[in-house]
Amino acid sequence: MTISAAIFACNGPELLSSEAVFFRDCNPWAFILFGRNIETPAQVKRLCADLREAVGRDALIFIDQEGGRVQRLCPPHWRKAPYAFDFGDLYHLDKHDALRAIWLNFRLIADELRAVGITADCAPVLDLPVFGADPIISDRAFSRDPIEMIDMAHAAMAGLTAGGVVPVIKHIPGHGRAKVDSHKALPIITESLAELETTDFVPFKAFFDAPMAMTAHVVLACVDTKKPITISRTGFQQIIRQNIGYDGLVMSDDLDMKALKGDLTSLTEQALAAGCDIALQCSGNLPDMVKVAKGLKPLSGDSLRRAQQADYMSDCFEAFDARAGLSEYTNLMRQLEKTS
């Protein structure tokens, strides 16, 4: 059966029969979970199994599990992971130990996700925050320095992939200097292309071979003064595919965010026409998902190739002693914190 170029969410902790029928007929490539979908490990595992049963295949299931304030699996059932910026502080104290702690943290996250059936993580954040920008990124980023960011993001991605969880770098080509939160309004970035090439784009260029990326709903005035990158074919192709040189799978950020204006069917068509391989829509509202479905197209060509590569990555993982890993991680963090 043809697979649709979409990632959808469901409305609650259990898959409704109406949602199951819709997912069976639409056959989205993958799913994503949010806090509203999470109660207990057993419940999440059952939900993941039901979602896969609805489409009749081992579809990727995504979540935002960065740590800090963006963590969907939370205590008391799951470990509280640090903010990315906390690792950045530790990196300045002892680079080697900090990188090991980052790897262990994300390897433990991968272990927690796989245990309940989640196989893709929308992390790490590669946006470089700047002073005076909206705080939506801020402490979600490892560093304001691109070289430090690259170093730490490599450790994070290695931890996830070693655990069979496919990482998603975000938010390409960079949201860190936006003056407004794209959940609430459309950010317009006015810096020159030359300035962005030496700052915001640098981490993304270093990860040109990452399996998946999520767009930033931002206008880059240097290439398109009206449309955000997600729905601007000129901006998407010139910046993401050509300038940055990224050839992995690109999913849109959530089409429900207020940075985007217009009907969901039209936004879906525009995002896919611009160059996004996958349209992401997160509300779990069935009528809204139907609107998105009307604008979808089948996965094919390069988009299908990229999606298949991401799928394959979730099948590969290394043996890991989670108890020993947590003990090593805890000791490293204590030592680094004492030094600080």
Protein backbone atom coordinates (compact mmCIF):
# COMPACT_ATOMS: atom_id res chain seq x y z
CA MET A 1 0.00 0.00 0.00
CA THR A 2 1.18 3.53 -0.77
CA ILE A 3 2.69 5.37 2.19
CA SER A 4 1.68 9.01 2.66
CA ALA A 5 4.30 11.70 3.30
CA ALA A 6 3.05 12.55 6.79
CA ILE A 7 3.69 12.19 10.50
CA PHE A 8 0.54 12.33 12.63
CA ALA A 9 -0.33 12.19 16.33
CA CYS A 10 -3.32 10.78 18.17
CA ASN A 11 -5.47 12.68 20.63
CA GLY A 12 -4.94 10.82 23.91
CA PRO A 13 -3.31 7.90 25.72
CA GLU A 14 -5.32 5.31 23.79
CA LEU A 15 -5.84 4.93 20.05
CA LEU A 16 -9.48 5.57 19.21
CA SER A 17 -11.22 3.35 16.67
CA SER A 18 -11.88 6.39 14.45
CA GLU A 19 -8.18 7.27 14.52
CA ALA A 20 -7.20 3.69 13.72
CA VAL A 21 -9.48 3.68 10.67
CA PHE A 22 -8.09 7.01 9.48
CA PHE A 23 -4.48 5.87 9.91
CA ARG A 24 -5.23 2.61 8.10
CA ASP A 25 -6.69 4.46 5.13
CA CYS A 26 -4.20 7.37 5.03
CA ASN A 27 -1.16 5.22 5.91
CA PRO A 28 1.15 7.99 7.23
CA TRP A 29 4.86 7.26 7.19
CA ALA A 30 5.24 7.69 10.96
CA PHE A 31 3.71 8.92 14.22
CA ILE A 32 4.69 11.29 17.02
CA LEU A 33 3.76 11.27 20.71
CA PHE A 34 3.19 14.17 23.12
CA GLY A 35 2.55 14.59 26.83
CA ARG A 36 -1.18 14.01 26.30
CA ASN A 37 -0.32 10.52 25.03
CA ILE A 38 1.83 9.54 28.02
CA GLU A 39 0.73 7.90 31.28
CA THR A 40 2.76 4.81 32.17
CA PRO A 41 5.41 2.67 30.44
CA ALA A 42 2.93 -0.16 29.86
CA GLN A 43 0.36 2.25 28.40
CA VAL A 44 2.89 3.89 26.04
CA LYS A 45 4.13 0.51 24.86
CA ARG A 46 0.56 -0.57 24.12
CA LEU A 47 -0.17 2.69 22.26
CA CYS A 48 2.93 2.30 20.08
CA ALA A 49 1.90 -1.26 19.24
CA ASP A 50 -1.63 -0.12 18.35
CA LEU A 51 -0.34 2.67 16.10
CA ARG A 52 1.85 0.21 14.20
CA GLU A 53 -0.98 -2.27 13.95
CA ALA A 54 -3.16 0.43 12.40
CA VAL A 55 -0.78 0.82 9.45
CA GLY A 56 0.35 -2.80 9.37
CA ARG A 57 4.10 -2.16 9.59
CA ASP A 58 6.90 -1.24 11.95
CA ALA A 59 6.56 2.52 11.47
CA LEU A 60 8.89 4.94 13.21
CA ILE A 61 7.39 6.60 16.27
CA PHE A 62 8.83 9.99 17.23
CA ILE A 63 8.92 12.01 20.43
CA ASP A 64 10.57 15.22 21.67
CA GLN A 65 12.89 13.96 24.40
CA GLU A 66 15.61 16.59 24.60
CA GLY A 67 15.82 16.85 28.39
CA GLY A 68 15.25 19.98 30.42
CA ARG A 69 11.92 21.64 29.65
CA VAL A 70 11.30 19.61 26.49
CA GLN A 71 10.80 16.09 27.75
CA ARG A 72 7.60 14.10 27.14
CA LEU A 73 8.54 11.02 29.19
CA CYS A 74 8.84 12.46 32.69
CA PRO A 75 9.21 11.35 36.32
CA PRO A 76 8.07 9.37 38.18
CA HIS A 77 8.24 6.71 35.47
CA TRP A 78 11.22 8.11 33.59
CA ARG A 79 14.50 9.81 34.46
CA LYS A 80 14.70 13.60 34.40
CA ALA A 81 17.42 14.53 31.91
CA PRO A 82 19.38 17.81 32.10
CA TYR A 83 19.02 20.87 29.92
CA ALA A 84 21.43 20.82 26.98
CA PHE A 85 22.98 24.09 28.17
CA ASP A 86 23.93 22.41 31.47
CA PHE A 87 26.24 20.15 29.50
CA GLY A 88 27.67 23.22 27.80
CA ASP A 89 28.70 24.59 31.19
CA LEU A 90 30.31 21.27 32.10
CA TYR A 91 32.10 21.15 28.74
CA HIS A 92 34.12 24.20 29.75
CA LEU A 93 35.26 22.40 32.91
CA ASP A 94 36.28 19.06 31.40
CA LYS A 95 35.64 18.49 27.71
CA HIS A 96 36.36 14.76 27.73
CA ASP A 97 34.14 13.93 30.69
CA ALA A 98 31.35 16.23 29.48
CA LEU A 99 31.24 14.53 26.08
CA ARG A 100 31.16 11.13 27.75
CA ALA A 101 28.32 12.31 30.01
CA ILE A 102 26.38 13.59 26.98
CA TRP A 103 26.83 10.27 25.17
CA LEU A 104 25.68 8.34 28.24
CA ASN A 105 22.70 10.66 28.80
CA PHE A 106 21.41 10.16 25.26
CA ARG A 107 22.25 6.46 25.27
CA LEU A 108 20.09 6.17 28.40
CA ILE A 109 17.34 8.18 26.70
CA ALA A 110 17.51 5.79 23.75
CA ASP A 111 17.18 2.83 26.11
CA GLU A 112 14.12 4.39 27.77
CA LEU A 113 12.49 5.16 24.42
CA ARG A 114 13.11 1.74 22.86
CA ALA A 115 11.73 0.04 25.95
CA VAL A 116 8.27 1.46 25.19
CA GLY A 117 8.46 1.24 21.39
CA ILE A 118 9.63 4.77 20.47
CA THR A 119 12.31 4.70 17.77
CA ALA A 120 13.03 8.34 16.81
CA ASP A 121 13.88 11.40 18.91
CA CYS A 122 13.50 15.00 17.77
CA ALA A 123 16.89 15.95 19.18
CA PRO A 124 19.47 17.42 19.32
CA VAL A 125 18.76 21.13 18.92
CA LEU A 126 21.41 22.77 16.69
CA ASP A 127 20.01 26.30 16.85
CA LEU A 128 22.58 28.81 18.10
CA PRO A 129 20.88 31.15 20.60
CA VAL A 130 21.91 34.80 20.52
CA PHE A 131 21.44 37.48 23.16
CA GLY A 132 18.20 39.38 22.70
CA ALA A 133 16.41 36.54 20.90
CA ASP A 134 13.16 34.95 22.07
CA PRO A 135 13.92 32.39 24.83
CA ILE A 136 12.21 29.51 23.01
CA ILE A 137 15.66 28.03 22.21
CA SER A 138 18.00 29.41 24.93
CA ASP A 139 18.85 26.53 27.33
CA ARG A 140 17.70 23.86 24.86
CA ALA A 141 20.99 24.44 22.98
CA PHE A 142 24.37 23.10 24.10
CA SER A 143 26.22 26.31 23.35
CA ARG A 144 26.24 29.68 21.60
CA ASP A 145 29.52 28.70 19.96
CA PRO A 146 29.12 26.68 16.74
CA ILE A 147 32.26 24.57 17.21
CA GLU A 148 31.32 23.61 20.77
CA MET A 149 27.78 22.91 19.57
CA ILE A 150 29.03 20.54 16.88
CA ASP A 151 31.24 18.67 19.34
CA MET A 152 28.47 18.11 21.87
CA ALA A 153 25.77 17.36 19.28
CA HIS A 154 27.97 14.61 17.83
CA ALA A 155 28.06 12.96 21.27
CA ALA A 156 24.28 13.26 21.63
CA MET A 157 23.58 11.79 18.20
CA ALA A 158 26.06 8.97 18.76
CA GLY A 159 24.30 8.04 22.00
CA LEU A 160 20.90 7.92 20.34
CA THR A 161 22.02 5.97 17.27
CA ALA A 162 23.94 3.45 19.40
CA GLY A 163 20.61 2.74 21.08
CA GLY A 164 18.66 2.27 17.84
CA VAL A 165 16.85 5.61 18.11
CA VAL A 166 17.05 7.80 15.02
CA PRO A 167 17.92 11.45 15.79
CA VAL A 168 16.34 14.50 14.19
CA ILE A 169 18.47 17.66 14.05
CA LYS A 170 16.46 20.83 14.48
CA HIS A 171 15.51 23.44 13.48
CA ILE A 172 17.17 23.75 10.09
CA PRO A 173 18.49 26.30 9.00
CA GLY A 174 18.38 27.89 12.49
CA HIS A 175 15.87 29.42 14.90
CA GLY A 176 18.31 30.71 17.50
CA ARG A 177 18.23 34.40 16.60
CA ALA A 178 14.45 34.63 16.08
CA LYS A 179 12.87 37.50 18.02
CA VAL A 180 9.54 35.68 18.40
CA ASP A 181 8.54 32.08 19.11
CA SER A 182 7.27 30.43 15.91
CA HIS A 183 4.62 28.65 17.98
CA LYS A 184 3.06 32.10 18.42
CA ALA A 185 4.10 34.24 15.42
CA LEU A 186 6.29 34.28 12.33
CA PRO A 187 9.94 35.18 13.01
CA ILE A 188 11.68 37.27 10.36
CA ILE A 189 15.47 37.03 10.28
CA THR A 190 17.03 40.00 8.55
CA GLU A 191 20.74 39.15 8.76
CA SER A 192 22.66 38.80 5.50
CA LEU A 193 23.39 35.46 3.90
CA ALA A 194 27.10 36.03 4.58
CA GLU A 195 26.40 36.49 8.31
CA LEU A 196 24.20 33.40 8.53
CA GLU A 197 26.77 31.29 6.69
CA THR A 198 29.36 31.98 9.39
CA THR A 199 26.97 31.49 12.34
CA ASP A 200 23.54 29.81 12.20
CA PHE A 201 24.27 27.50 9.27
CA VAL A 202 27.59 26.18 10.61
CA PRO A 203 26.23 23.39 12.89
CA PHE A 204 23.82 22.21 10.20
CA LYS A 205 26.58 22.09 7.59
CA ALA A 206 28.57 19.88 9.94
CA PHE A 207 25.64 17.45 10.07
CA PHE A 208 24.88 17.39 6.34
CA ASP A 209 24.78 13.57 6.58
CA ALA A 210 22.40 13.35 9.56
CA PRO A 211 19.43 11.06 8.80
CA MET A 212 16.64 13.56 9.52
CA ALA A 213 16.10 17.27 10.11
CA MET A 214 13.13 19.42 11.12
CA THR A 215 12.56 22.84 9.61
CA ALA A 216 12.42 26.18 11.38
CA HIS A 217 9.32 28.21 10.56
CA VAL A 218 11.35 31.36 9.94
CA VAL A 219 11.56 33.89 7.13
CA LEU A 220 15.11 34.42 5.90
CA ALA A 221 14.76 37.82 4.28
CA CYS A 222 18.00 37.32 2.35
CA VAL A 223 16.29 34.71 0.14
CA ASP A 224 12.52 35.20 0.50
CA THR A 225 11.00 38.21 2.23
CA LYS A 226 7.50 36.73 2.51
CA LYS A 227 7.44 32.97 2.99
CA PRO A 228 9.04 30.97 5.82
CA ILE A 229 11.60 28.37 4.78
CA THR A 230 9.13 25.51 5.38
CA ILE A 231 6.87 26.63 2.53
CA SER A 232 9.32 28.67 0.40
CA ARG A 233 10.65 26.61 -2.48
CA THR A 234 13.26 29.26 -3.27
CA GLY A 235 14.43 29.47 0.33
CA PHE A 236 14.26 25.73 1.00
CA GLN A 237 16.20 24.70 -2.08
CA GLN A 238 18.75 27.50 -1.99
CA ILE A 239 19.52 27.30 1.73
CA ILE A 240 18.81 23.76 2.96
CA ARG A 241 19.66 21.67 -0.07
CA GLN A 242 22.30 23.87 -1.77
CA ASN A 243 23.99 26.19 0.72
CA ILE A 244 23.93 23.84 3.71
CA GLY A 245 24.14 20.81 1.44
CA TYR A 246 21.75 18.72 3.49
CA ASP A 247 20.45 15.61 1.70
CA GLY A 248 18.75 13.79 4.58
CA LEU A 249 15.02 13.56 5.18
CA VAL A 250 13.46 16.92 6.02
CA MET A 251 10.20 17.09 7.91
CA SER A 252 8.32 20.30 8.46
CA ASP A 253 7.92 21.59 11.97
CA ASP A 254 4.31 21.31 13.14
CA LEU A 255 1.97 22.76 10.51
CA ASP A 256 -0.37 23.91 13.32
CA MET A 257 2.09 26.51 14.61
CA LYS A 258 0.98 30.12 14.34
CA ALA A 259 4.02 31.09 12.27
CA LEU A 260 2.14 29.55 9.34
CA LYS A 261 -1.06 31.05 8.03
CA GLY A 262 -3.71 29.40 5.92
CA ASP A 263 -5.68 26.24 5.42
CA LEU A 264 -3.97 23.02 6.51
CA THR A 265 -4.53 21.41 3.12
CA SER A 266 -2.82 24.30 1.38
CA LEU A 267 0.02 24.43 3.92
CA THR A 268 0.63 20.72 3.42
CA GLU A 269 0.78 21.16 -0.34
CA GLN A 270 3.11 24.15 0.00
CA ALA A 271 5.48 22.40 2.41
CA LEU A 272 5.82 19.34 0.17
CA ALA A 273 6.16 21.51 -2.95
CA ALA A 274 8.88 23.57 -1.27
CA GLY A 275 10.97 20.46 -0.70
CA CYS A 276 9.92 18.96 2.64
CA ASP A 277 9.88 15.19 2.37
CA ILE A 278 7.34 14.83 5.19
CA ALA A 279 4.54 17.02 6.56
CA LEU A 280 4.32 16.99 10.36
CA GLN A 281 0.96 17.77 12.01
CA CYS A 282 0.71 17.32 15.74
CA SER A 283 -2.69 18.32 17.15
CA GLY A 284 -4.23 14.84 17.14
CA ASN A 285 -7.45 16.48 16.00
CA LEU A 286 -9.04 14.14 13.48
CA PRO A 287 -10.77 16.79 11.31
CA ASP A 288 -7.44 18.63 11.04
CA MET A 289 -5.64 15.43 10.06
CA VAL A 290 -8.23 14.89 7.33
CA LYS A 291 -7.44 18.38 5.99
CA VAL A 292 -3.73 17.53 5.93
CA ALA A 293 -4.44 14.21 4.23
CA LYS A 294 -6.15 16.06 1.36
CA GLY A 295 -2.87 17.85 0.63
CA LEU A 296 -0.56 14.86 0.92
CA LYS A 297 1.26 12.95 -1.75
CA PRO A 298 2.76 9.45 -1.70
CA LEU A 299 6.34 8.96 -0.57
CA SER A 300 8.38 8.44 -3.71
CA GLY A 301 11.71 9.20 -5.36
CA ASP A 302 14.37 10.83 -3.17
CA SER A 303 11.87 11.30 -0.34
CA LEU A 304 11.19 7.56 -0.23
CA ARG A 305 14.94 6.85 -0.33
CA ARG A 306 15.56 9.18 2.61
CA ALA A 307 12.66 7.71 4.57
CA GLN A 308 13.89 4.16 4.01
CA GLN A 309 17.39 5.10 5.21
CA ALA A 310 15.92 6.54 8.41
CA ASP A 311 13.82 3.40 8.90
CA TYR A 312 16.89 1.18 8.53
CA MET A 313 18.80 3.11 11.20
CA SER A 314 16.28 2.14 13.88
CA ASP A 315 17.08 -1.54 13.28
CA CYS A 316 20.71 -1.17 14.39
CA PHE A 317 21.68 -0.86 18.03
CA GLU A 318 24.44 -2.01 20.36
CA ALA A 319 24.16 -3.99 23.60
CA PHE A 320 24.14 -1.70 26.63
CA ASP A 321 24.14 -2.25 30.39
CA ALA A 322 21.75 0.52 31.41
CA ARG A 323 22.41 0.11 35.12
CA ALA A 324 26.18 0.42 34.68
CA GLY A 325 25.68 3.29 32.23
CA LEU A 326 23.49 5.21 34.66
CA SER A 327 26.02 4.67 37.45
CA GLU A 328 28.88 5.97 35.29
CA TYR A 329 26.78 8.93 34.13
CA THR A 330 25.76 9.83 37.70
CA ASN A 331 29.36 9.69 38.91
CA LEU A 332 30.57 11.84 36.01
CA MET A 333 27.92 14.45 36.64
CA ARG A 334 28.74 14.57 40.35
CA GLN A 335 32.43 15.04 39.64
CA LEU A 336 31.80 17.76 37.10
CA GLU A 337 29.37 19.55 39.40
CA LYS A 338 31.86 19.45 42.26
CA THR A 339 34.49 21.00 40.00
CA SER A 340 32.09 23.80 39.10
